[in-house]
């Protein structure tokens, strides 16, 4: 389903996100499929601009291993000018401060429902699966529909 949402666009994840997924897949084996997906490319950076930018975000956002994935995504957005998907509120605010093109998962999913690429039921299931894998979303399991309607992300008619 995530491949479908990419709509033919190239999907890159920084090595730090790969590391987070690898650790999480020890508790949720379905995440291993993401690591093996041929349509996702892991960006293994060696260029100085990316590494310096990553280090800058790391000093600002990281606490131990926490937020390293966000640091990598932010660095990719800044250095390569690509659109980024970030759900962490602090990291999204930083992206906006830097003028990066950023979207969160929930609006991306709402767009798929609104354009009838996915049904609301499919997206609710996907959101619950993401939450079960400890992915951060701004609601609890079973709360997608209520959250998006209450926050004006989908009209009741879209649901």
C-alpha atoms as a PDB file:
ATOM      1  CA  UNK A   1       0.000   0.000   0.000  1.00  0.00           C
ATOM      2  CA  UNK A   2       2.855   2.389   0.765  1.00  0.00           C
ATOM      3  CA  UNK A   3       4.269   1.682  -2.688  1.00  0.00           C
ATOM      4  CA  UNK A   4       0.931   2.695  -4.144  1.00  0.00           C
ATOM      5  CA  UNK A   5       1.012   5.966  -2.206  1.00  0.00           C
ATOM      6  CA  UNK A   6       4.416   6.758  -3.677  1.00  0.00           C
ATOM      7  CA  UNK A   7       2.600   6.966  -7.032  1.00  0.00           C
ATOM      8  CA  UNK A   8       5.611   6.063  -9.127  1.00  0.00           C
ATOM      9  CA  UNK A   9       7.939   8.470  -7.335  1.00  0.00           C
ATOM     10  CA  UNK A  10      11.338   7.273  -6.183  1.00  0.00           C
ATOM     11  CA  UNK A  11      11.379   6.463  -2.467  1.00  0.00           C
ATOM     12  CA  UNK A  12      14.593   6.898  -0.508  1.00  0.00           C
ATOM     13  CA  UNK A  13      15.192   6.398   3.174  1.00  0.00           C
ATOM     14  CA  UNK A  14      18.347   7.418   4.990  1.00  0.00           C
ATOM     15  CA  UNK A  15      20.492   4.778   6.618  1.00  0.00           C
ATOM     16  CA  UNK A  16      19.309   5.975  10.035  1.00  0.00           C
ATOM     17  CA  UNK A  17      15.708   5.059   9.116  1.00  0.00           C
ATOM     18  CA  UNK A  18      16.902   1.669   7.899  1.00  0.00           C
ATOM     19  CA  UNK A  19      18.549   1.142  11.305  1.00  0.00           C
ATOM     20  CA  UNK A  20      15.317   2.120  13.099  1.00  0.00           C
ATOM     21  CA  UNK A  21      13.303  -0.269  10.928  1.00  0.00           C
ATOM     22  CA  UNK A  22      15.781  -3.087  11.507  1.00  0.00           C
ATOM     23  CA  UNK A  23      15.503  -2.664  15.288  1.00  0.00           C
ATOM     24  CA  UNK A  24      11.700  -2.406  15.144  1.00  0.00           C
ATOM     25  CA  UNK A  25      11.434  -5.494  12.920  1.00  0.00           C
ATOM     26  CA  UNK A  26      12.810  -7.577  15.784  1.00  0.00           C
ATOM     27  CA  UNK A  27       9.460  -6.959  17.521  1.00  0.00           C
ATOM     28  CA  UNK A  28       7.299  -6.634  14.402  1.00  0.00           C
ATOM     29  CA  UNK A  29       8.495  -8.939  11.599  1.00  0.00           C
ATOM     30  CA  UNK A  30       6.221  -7.313   9.001  1.00  0.00           C
ATOM     31  CA  UNK A  31       8.555  -4.316   9.017  1.00  0.00           C
ATOM     32  CA  UNK A  32      11.209  -6.585   7.540  1.00  0.00           C
ATOM     33  CA  UNK A  33       9.260  -6.409   4.278  1.00  0.00           C
ATOM     34  CA  UNK A  34       9.967  -2.679   4.111  1.00  0.00           C
ATOM     35  CA  UNK A  35      13.678  -3.352   4.431  1.00  0.00           C
ATOM     36  CA  UNK A  36      13.511  -5.790   1.518  1.00  0.00           C
ATOM     37  CA  UNK A  37      11.226  -3.764  -0.753  1.00  0.00           C
ATOM     38  CA  UNK A  38      12.846  -3.284  -4.150  1.00  0.00           C
ATOM     39  CA  UNK A  39      11.105   0.070  -4.630  1.00  0.00           C
ATOM     40  CA  UNK A  40      12.776   1.625  -1.565  1.00  0.00           C
ATOM     41  CA  UNK A  41      16.383   2.711  -1.857  1.00  0.00           C
ATOM     42  CA  UNK A  42      18.507   3.189   1.238  1.00  0.00           C
ATOM     43  CA  UNK A  43      20.596   6.332   0.921  1.00  0.00           C
ATOM     44  CA  UNK A  44      24.057   5.564   2.278  1.00  0.00           C
ATOM     45  CA  UNK A  45      25.599   9.000   2.362  1.00  0.00           C
ATOM     46  CA  UNK A  46      29.265   9.668   1.939  1.00  0.00           C
ATOM     47  CA  UNK A  47      29.161  13.278   0.785  1.00  0.00           C
ATOM     48  CA  UNK A  48      30.350  15.890   3.228  1.00  0.00           C
ATOM     49  CA  UNK A  49      27.371  18.243   2.766  1.00  0.00           C
ATOM     50  CA  UNK A  50      24.892  15.547   3.807  1.00  0.00           C
ATOM     51  CA  UNK A  51      27.014  14.343   6.729  1.00  0.00           C
ATOM     52  CA  UNK A  52      27.521  17.885   8.038  1.00  0.00           C
ATOM     53  CA  UNK A  53      23.811  18.652   7.729  1.00  0.00           C
ATOM     54  CA  UNK A  54      22.915  15.376   9.455  1.00  0.00           C
ATOM     55  CA  UNK A  55      25.311  16.247  12.299  1.00  0.00           C
ATOM     56  CA  UNK A  56      23.689  19.667  12.651  1.00  0.00           C
ATOM     57  CA  UNK A  57      20.226  18.118  13.001  1.00  0.00           C
ATOM     58  CA  UNK A  58      21.579  15.406  15.281  1.00  0.00           C
ATOM     59  CA  UNK A  59      22.938  17.977  17.732  1.00  0.00           C
ATOM     60  CA  UNK A  60      19.562  19.732  17.736  1.00  0.00           C
ATOM     61  CA  UNK A  61      17.084  16.827  17.789  1.00  0.00           C
ATOM     62  CA  UNK A  62      18.655  13.515  18.747  1.00  0.00           C
ATOM     63  CA  UNK A  63      18.560  12.002  22.205  1.00  0.00           C
ATOM     64  CA  UNK A  64      20.593   8.817  22.058  1.00  0.00           C
ATOM     65  CA  UNK A  65      19.162   6.866  19.108  1.00  0.00           C
ATOM     66  CA  UNK A  66      15.860   8.722  19.270  1.00  0.00           C
ATOM     67  CA  UNK A  67      15.159  11.009  16.288  1.00  0.00           C
ATOM     68  CA  UNK A  68      18.155   9.866  14.232  1.00  0.00           C
ATOM     69  CA  UNK A  69      15.796   8.829  11.432  1.00  0.00           C
ATOM     70  CA  UNK A  70      14.235  12.274  11.436  1.00  0.00           C
ATOM     71  CA  UNK A  71      17.716  13.822  11.312  1.00  0.00           C
ATOM     72  CA  UNK A  72      18.530  11.766   8.224  1.00  0.00           C
ATOM     73  CA  UNK A  73      15.271  12.648   6.507  1.00  0.00           C
ATOM     74  CA  UNK A  74      15.715  16.357   7.277  1.00  0.00           C
ATOM     75  CA  UNK A  75      19.284  16.268   5.964  1.00  0.00           C
ATOM     76  CA  UNK A  76      18.118  14.629   2.725  1.00  0.00           C
ATOM     77  CA  UNK A  77      15.424  17.259   2.295  1.00  0.00           C
ATOM     78  CA  UNK A  78      17.842  20.108   2.866  1.00  0.00           C
ATOM     79  CA  UNK A  79      20.791  18.829   0.843  1.00  0.00           C
ATOM     80  CA  UNK A  80      18.935  17.194  -2.060  1.00  0.00           C
ATOM     81  CA  UNK A  81      15.784  19.329  -2.149  1.00  0.00           C
ATOM     82  CA  UNK A  82      13.446  16.343  -2.090  1.00  0.00           C
ATOM     83  CA  UNK A  83       9.976  16.235  -0.572  1.00  0.00           C
ATOM     84  CA  UNK A  84      10.085  14.558   2.834  1.00  0.00           C
ATOM     85  CA  UNK A  85       7.568  12.681   4.952  1.00  0.00           C
ATOM     86  CA  UNK A  86       7.889  13.363   8.681  1.00  0.00           C
ATOM     87  CA  UNK A  87       5.342  12.816  11.437  1.00  0.00           C
ATOM     88  CA  UNK A  88       7.321  13.950  14.472  1.00  0.00           C
ATOM     89  CA  UNK A  89       5.976  17.408  15.327  1.00  0.00           C
ATOM     90  CA  UNK A  90       9.309  18.910  16.368  1.00  0.00           C
ATOM     91  CA  UNK A  91      11.067  17.637  13.252  1.00  0.00           C
ATOM     92  CA  UNK A  92       8.208  18.932  11.066  1.00  0.00           C
ATOM     93  CA  UNK A  93       8.533  22.378  12.665  1.00  0.00           C
ATOM     94  CA  UNK A  94      12.263  22.345  11.953  1.00  0.00           C
ATOM     95  CA  UNK A  95      11.545  21.363   8.334  1.00  0.00           C
ATOM     96  CA  UNK A  96       9.124  24.268   7.982  1.00  0.00           C
ATOM     97  CA  UNK A  97      11.657  26.681   9.538  1.00  0.00           C
ATOM     98  CA  UNK A  98      14.174  25.548   6.913  1.00  0.00           C
ATOM     99  CA  UNK A  99      11.646  25.903   4.096  1.00  0.00           C
ATOM    100  CA  UNK A 100      11.715  22.196   3.268  1.00  0.00           C
ATOM    101  CA  UNK A 101       8.895  20.522   1.365  1.00  0.00           C
ATOM    102  CA  UNK A 102       7.365  18.335   4.069  1.00  0.00           C
ATOM    103  CA  UNK A 103       4.192  16.305   4.397  1.00  0.00           C
ATOM    104  CA  UNK A 104       2.999  14.066   7.196  1.00  0.00           C
ATOM    105  CA  UNK A 105       1.630  10.556   6.772  1.00  0.00           C
ATOM    106  CA  UNK A 106      -1.952  11.412   7.757  1.00  0.00           C
ATOM    107  CA  UNK A 107      -2.484  14.091   5.053  1.00  0.00           C
ATOM    108  CA  UNK A 108      -0.875  11.740   2.531  1.00  0.00           C
ATOM    109  CA  UNK A 109      -3.360   9.026   3.487  1.00  0.00           C
ATOM    110  CA  UNK A 110      -6.247  11.510   3.376  1.00  0.00           C
ATOM    111  CA  UNK A 111      -5.260  12.534  -0.152  1.00  0.00           C
ATOM    112  CA  UNK A 112      -5.450   8.867  -1.185  1.00  0.00           C
ATOM    113  CA  UNK A 113      -8.971   8.600   0.286  1.00  0.00           C
ATOM    114  CA  UNK A 114     -10.110  11.909  -1.201  1.00  0.00           C
ATOM    115  CA  UNK A 115      -8.919  10.923  -4.697  1.00  0.00           C
ATOM    116  CA  UNK A 116     -10.485   7.483  -4.241  1.00  0.00           C
ATOM    117  CA  UNK A 117      -7.177   5.680  -4.693  1.00  0.00           C
ATOM    118  CA  UNK A 118      -7.755   3.949  -1.354  1.00  0.00           C
ATOM    119  CA  UNK A 119     -10.856   3.381   0.730  1.00  0.00           C
ATOM    120  CA  UNK A 120     -11.209   4.789   4.199  1.00  0.00           C
ATOM    121  CA  UNK A 121     -11.388   1.246   5.581  1.00  0.00           C
ATOM    122  CA  UNK A 122      -8.059   0.374   3.912  1.00  0.00           C
ATOM    123  CA  UNK A 123      -6.421   3.500   5.300  1.00  0.00           C
ATOM    124  CA  UNK A 124      -7.815   2.893   8.795  1.00  0.00           C
ATOM    125  CA  UNK A 125      -6.278  -0.598   8.728  1.00  0.00           C
ATOM    126  CA  UNK A 126      -2.957   0.772   7.483  1.00  0.00           C
ATOM    127  CA  UNK A 127      -2.934   3.436  10.212  1.00  0.00           C
ATOM    128  CA  UNK A 128      -3.621   0.799  12.865  1.00  0.00           C
ATOM    129  CA  UNK A 129      -0.830  -1.396  11.451  1.00  0.00           C
ATOM    130  CA  UNK A 130       1.570   1.551  11.590  1.00  0.00           C
ATOM    131  CA  UNK A 131       0.588   2.269  15.187  1.00  0.00           C
ATOM    132  CA  UNK A 132       1.105  -1.398  16.099  1.00  0.00           C
ATOM    133  CA  UNK A 133       4.683  -1.075  14.837  1.00  0.00           C
ATOM    134  CA  UNK A 134       5.245   1.900  17.191  1.00  0.00           C
ATOM    135  CA  UNK A 135       5.037   4.387  14.332  1.00  0.00           C
ATOM    136  CA  UNK A 136       3.969   7.770  15.667  1.00  0.00           C
ATOM    137  CA  UNK A 137       0.599   9.072  14.538  1.00  0.00           C
ATOM    138  CA  UNK A 138      -1.449  11.736  16.364  1.00  0.00           C
ATOM    139  CA  UNK A 139      -4.172   9.314  17.506  1.00  0.00           C
ATOM    140  CA  UNK A 140      -4.545   5.851  18.999  1.00  0.00           C
ATOM    141  CA  UNK A 141      -5.508   2.637  17.202  1.00  0.00           C
ATOM    142  CA  UNK A 142      -8.999   2.921  15.780  1.00  0.00           C
ATOM    143  CA  UNK A 143      -8.847   6.724  15.855  1.00  0.00           C
ATOM    144  CA  UNK A 144      -7.979   7.614  12.254  1.00  0.00           C
ATOM    145  CA  UNK A 145     -11.503   8.463  11.048  1.00  0.00           C
ATOM    146  CA  UNK A 146     -12.387  10.574  14.076  1.00  0.00           C
ATOM    147  CA  UNK A 147      -9.044  12.419  14.002  1.00  0.00           C
ATOM    148  CA  UNK A 148      -9.198  13.361  10.332  1.00  0.00           C
ATOM    149  CA  UNK A 149     -12.830  14.479  10.451  1.00  0.00           C
ATOM    150  CA  UNK A 150     -12.389  16.485  13.682  1.00  0.00           C
ATOM    151  CA  UNK A 151      -9.285  18.177  12.268  1.00  0.00           C
ATOM    152  CA  UNK A 152     -10.837  18.964   8.888  1.00  0.00           C
ATOM    153  CA  UNK A 153      -8.486  16.700   6.955  1.00  0.00           C
ATOM    154  CA  UNK A 154     -11.414  14.809   5.417  1.00  0.00           C
ATOM    155  CA  UNK A 155     -15.018  15.844   5.102  1.00  0.00           C
ATOM    156  CA  UNK A 156     -17.626  13.516   6.496  1.00  0.00           C
ATOM    157  CA  UNK A 157     -18.726  12.957   2.875  1.00  0.00           C
ATOM    158  CA  UNK A 158     -15.236  11.639   2.014  1.00  0.00           C
ATOM    159  CA  UNK A 159     -15.534   8.983   4.675  1.00  0.00           C
END
